[in-house]
Amino acid sequence: MKVLDMVVAALLAIGGLNWGLVGFFDFNLISALFGEASVISRVIYALIGFGALYEVGDFAFGFKAMQDRWCETATVKH
């Protein structure tokens, strides 16, 4: 699950940076790299959307489980 968390974090960073570029400079990096309405662009947007849904669900319903995955001290019993 740590790998999935890292992939989701990378996707959300890419999406956030892209939206920042759109907001500040009216420049869409994903469209510039892969085409305005290409299949690859749509797949990237869909993956970013799924990543956001995963992160919201993980935060809302599984925050303790995520914390246990990342904090080794949380799983150590004294």
C-alpha atoms as a PDB file:
ATOM      1  CA  MET A   1       0.000   0.000   0.000  1.00  0.00           C
ATOM      2  CA  LYS A   2       2.938   2.359   0.524  1.00  0.00           C
ATOM      3  CA  VAL A   3       3.673   2.198  -3.203  1.00  0.00           C
ATOM      4  CA  LEU A   4       0.069   3.126  -4.004  1.00  0.00           C
ATOM      5  CA  ASP A   5       0.257   6.024  -1.528  1.00  0.00           C
ATOM      6  CA  MET A   6       3.425   7.287  -3.217  1.00  0.00           C
ATOM      7  CA  VAL A   7       1.923   6.996  -6.715  1.00  0.00           C
ATOM      8  CA  VAL A   8      -1.186   8.865  -5.568  1.00  0.00           C
ATOM      9  CA  ALA A   9       0.962  11.577  -3.964  1.00  0.00           C
ATOM     10  CA  ALA A  10       2.926  11.978  -7.208  1.00  0.00           C
ATOM     11  CA  LEU A  11      -0.283  12.186  -9.263  1.00  0.00           C
ATOM     12  CA  LEU A  12      -1.745  14.800  -6.928  1.00  0.00           C
ATOM     13  CA  ALA A  13       1.467  16.817  -7.085  1.00  0.00           C
ATOM     14  CA  ILE A  14       1.370  16.726 -10.894  1.00  0.00           C
ATOM     15  CA  GLY A  15      -2.296  17.728 -10.886  1.00  0.00           C
ATOM     16  CA  GLY A  16      -1.702  20.516  -8.367  1.00  0.00           C
ATOM     17  CA  LEU A  17       1.240  21.914 -10.305  1.00  0.00           C
ATOM     18  CA  ASN A  18      -0.739  21.770 -13.530  1.00  0.00           C
ATOM     19  CA  TRP A  19      -3.669  23.644 -11.951  1.00  0.00           C
ATOM     20  CA  GLY A  20      -1.250  26.186 -10.520  1.00  0.00           C
ATOM     21  CA  LEU A  21       0.161  26.788 -13.996  1.00  0.00           C
ATOM     22  CA  VAL A  22      -3.352  27.133 -15.386  1.00  0.00           C
ATOM     23  CA  GLY A  23      -4.363  29.567 -12.642  1.00  0.00           C
ATOM     24  CA  PHE A  24      -1.260  31.738 -12.669  1.00  0.00           C
ATOM     25  CA  PHE A  25      -0.157  31.646 -16.297  1.00  0.00           C
ATOM     26  CA  ASP A  26      -3.114  30.219 -18.285  1.00  0.00           C
ATOM     27  CA  PHE A  27      -0.796  27.378 -19.385  1.00  0.00           C
ATOM     28  CA  ASN A  28      -1.894  23.746 -19.289  1.00  0.00           C
ATOM     29  CA  LEU A  29       1.284  21.648 -19.165  1.00  0.00           C
ATOM     30  CA  ILE A  30      -0.425  18.289 -19.694  1.00  0.00           C
ATOM     31  CA  SER A  31      -2.210  19.539 -22.798  1.00  0.00           C
ATOM     32  CA  ALA A  32       0.997  21.131 -24.046  1.00  0.00           C
ATOM     33  CA  LEU A  33       2.917  17.866 -23.653  1.00  0.00           C
ATOM     34  CA  PHE A  34       0.328  15.347 -24.840  1.00  0.00           C
ATOM     35  CA  GLY A  35      -2.228  17.304 -26.888  1.00  0.00           C
ATOM     36  CA  GLU A  36      -5.410  19.171 -26.053  1.00  0.00           C
ATOM     37  CA  ALA A  37      -7.867  16.272 -26.086  1.00  0.00           C
ATOM     38  CA  SER A  38      -5.619  13.270 -26.707  1.00  0.00           C
ATOM     39  CA  VAL A  39      -6.251   9.893 -25.151  1.00  0.00           C
ATOM     40  CA  ILE A  40      -3.064  10.188 -23.079  1.00  0.00           C
ATOM     41  CA  SER A  41      -4.169  13.541 -21.626  1.00  0.00           C
ATOM     42  CA  ARG A  42      -7.547  12.118 -20.705  1.00  0.00           C
ATOM     43  CA  VAL A  43      -5.942   9.070 -19.074  1.00  0.00           C
ATOM     44  CA  ILE A  44      -3.640  11.330 -17.025  1.00  0.00           C
ATOM     45  CA  TYR A  45      -6.584  13.476 -15.915  1.00  0.00           C
ATOM     46  CA  ALA A  46      -8.565  10.338 -15.020  1.00  0.00           C
ATOM     47  CA  LEU A  47      -5.651   8.932 -12.995  1.00  0.00           C
ATOM     48  CA  ILE A  48      -5.307  12.228 -11.130  1.00  0.00           C
ATOM     49  CA  GLY A  49      -9.055  12.167 -10.425  1.00  0.00           C
ATOM     50  CA  PHE A  50      -8.912   8.573  -9.151  1.00  0.00           C
ATOM     51  CA  GLY A  51      -5.911   9.519  -7.039  1.00  0.00           C
ATOM     52  CA  ALA A  52      -7.856  12.382  -5.491  1.00  0.00           C
ATOM     53  CA  LEU A  53     -10.803  10.075  -4.743  1.00  0.00           C
ATOM     54  CA  TYR A  54      -8.454   7.547  -3.152  1.00  0.00           C
ATOM     55  CA  GLU A  55      -6.825  10.221  -1.017  1.00  0.00           C
ATOM     56  CA  VAL A  56     -10.158  11.670   0.116  1.00  0.00           C
ATOM     57  CA  GLY A  57     -11.431   8.201   0.979  1.00  0.00           C
ATOM     58  CA  ASP A  58      -8.227   7.304   2.757  1.00  0.00           C
ATOM     59  CA  PHE A  59      -8.292  10.530   4.725  1.00  0.00           C
ATOM     60  CA  ALA A  60     -11.995  10.344   5.576  1.00  0.00           C
ATOM     61  CA  PHE A  61     -12.272   6.629   6.351  1.00  0.00           C
ATOM     62  CA  GLY A  62      -8.809   5.167   6.744  1.00  0.00           C
ATOM     63  CA  PHE A  63      -6.567   7.812   8.266  1.00  0.00           C
ATOM     64  CA  LYS A  64      -5.521   5.529  11.118  1.00  0.00           C
ATOM     65  CA  ALA A  65      -4.640   2.721   8.711  1.00  0.00           C
ATOM     66  CA  MET A  66      -2.582   5.132   6.596  1.00  0.00           C
ATOM     67  CA  GLN A  67      -0.814   6.392   9.696  1.00  0.00           C
ATOM     68  CA  ASP A  68      -0.008   2.826  10.720  1.00  0.00           C
ATOM     69  CA  ARG A  69       1.453   2.120   7.272  1.00  0.00           C
ATOM     70  CA  TRP A  70       3.797   5.091   7.445  1.00  0.00           C
ATOM     71  CA  CYS A  71       4.665   5.325  11.132  1.00  0.00           C
ATOM     72  CA  GLU A  72       6.559   2.306  12.357  1.00  0.00           C
ATOM     73  CA  THR A  73       6.367   3.604  15.905  1.00  0.00           C
ATOM     74  CA  ALA A  74       2.580   3.436  15.763  1.00  0.00           C
ATOM     75  CA  THR A  75       2.720  -0.344  15.314  1.00  0.00           C
ATOM     76  CA  VAL A  76       5.260  -1.019  18.086  1.00  0.00           C
ATOM     77  CA  LYS A  77       3.541  -2.277  21.239  1.00  0.00           C
ATOM     78  CA  HIS A  78       5.126  -1.592  24.643  1.00  0.00           C
END
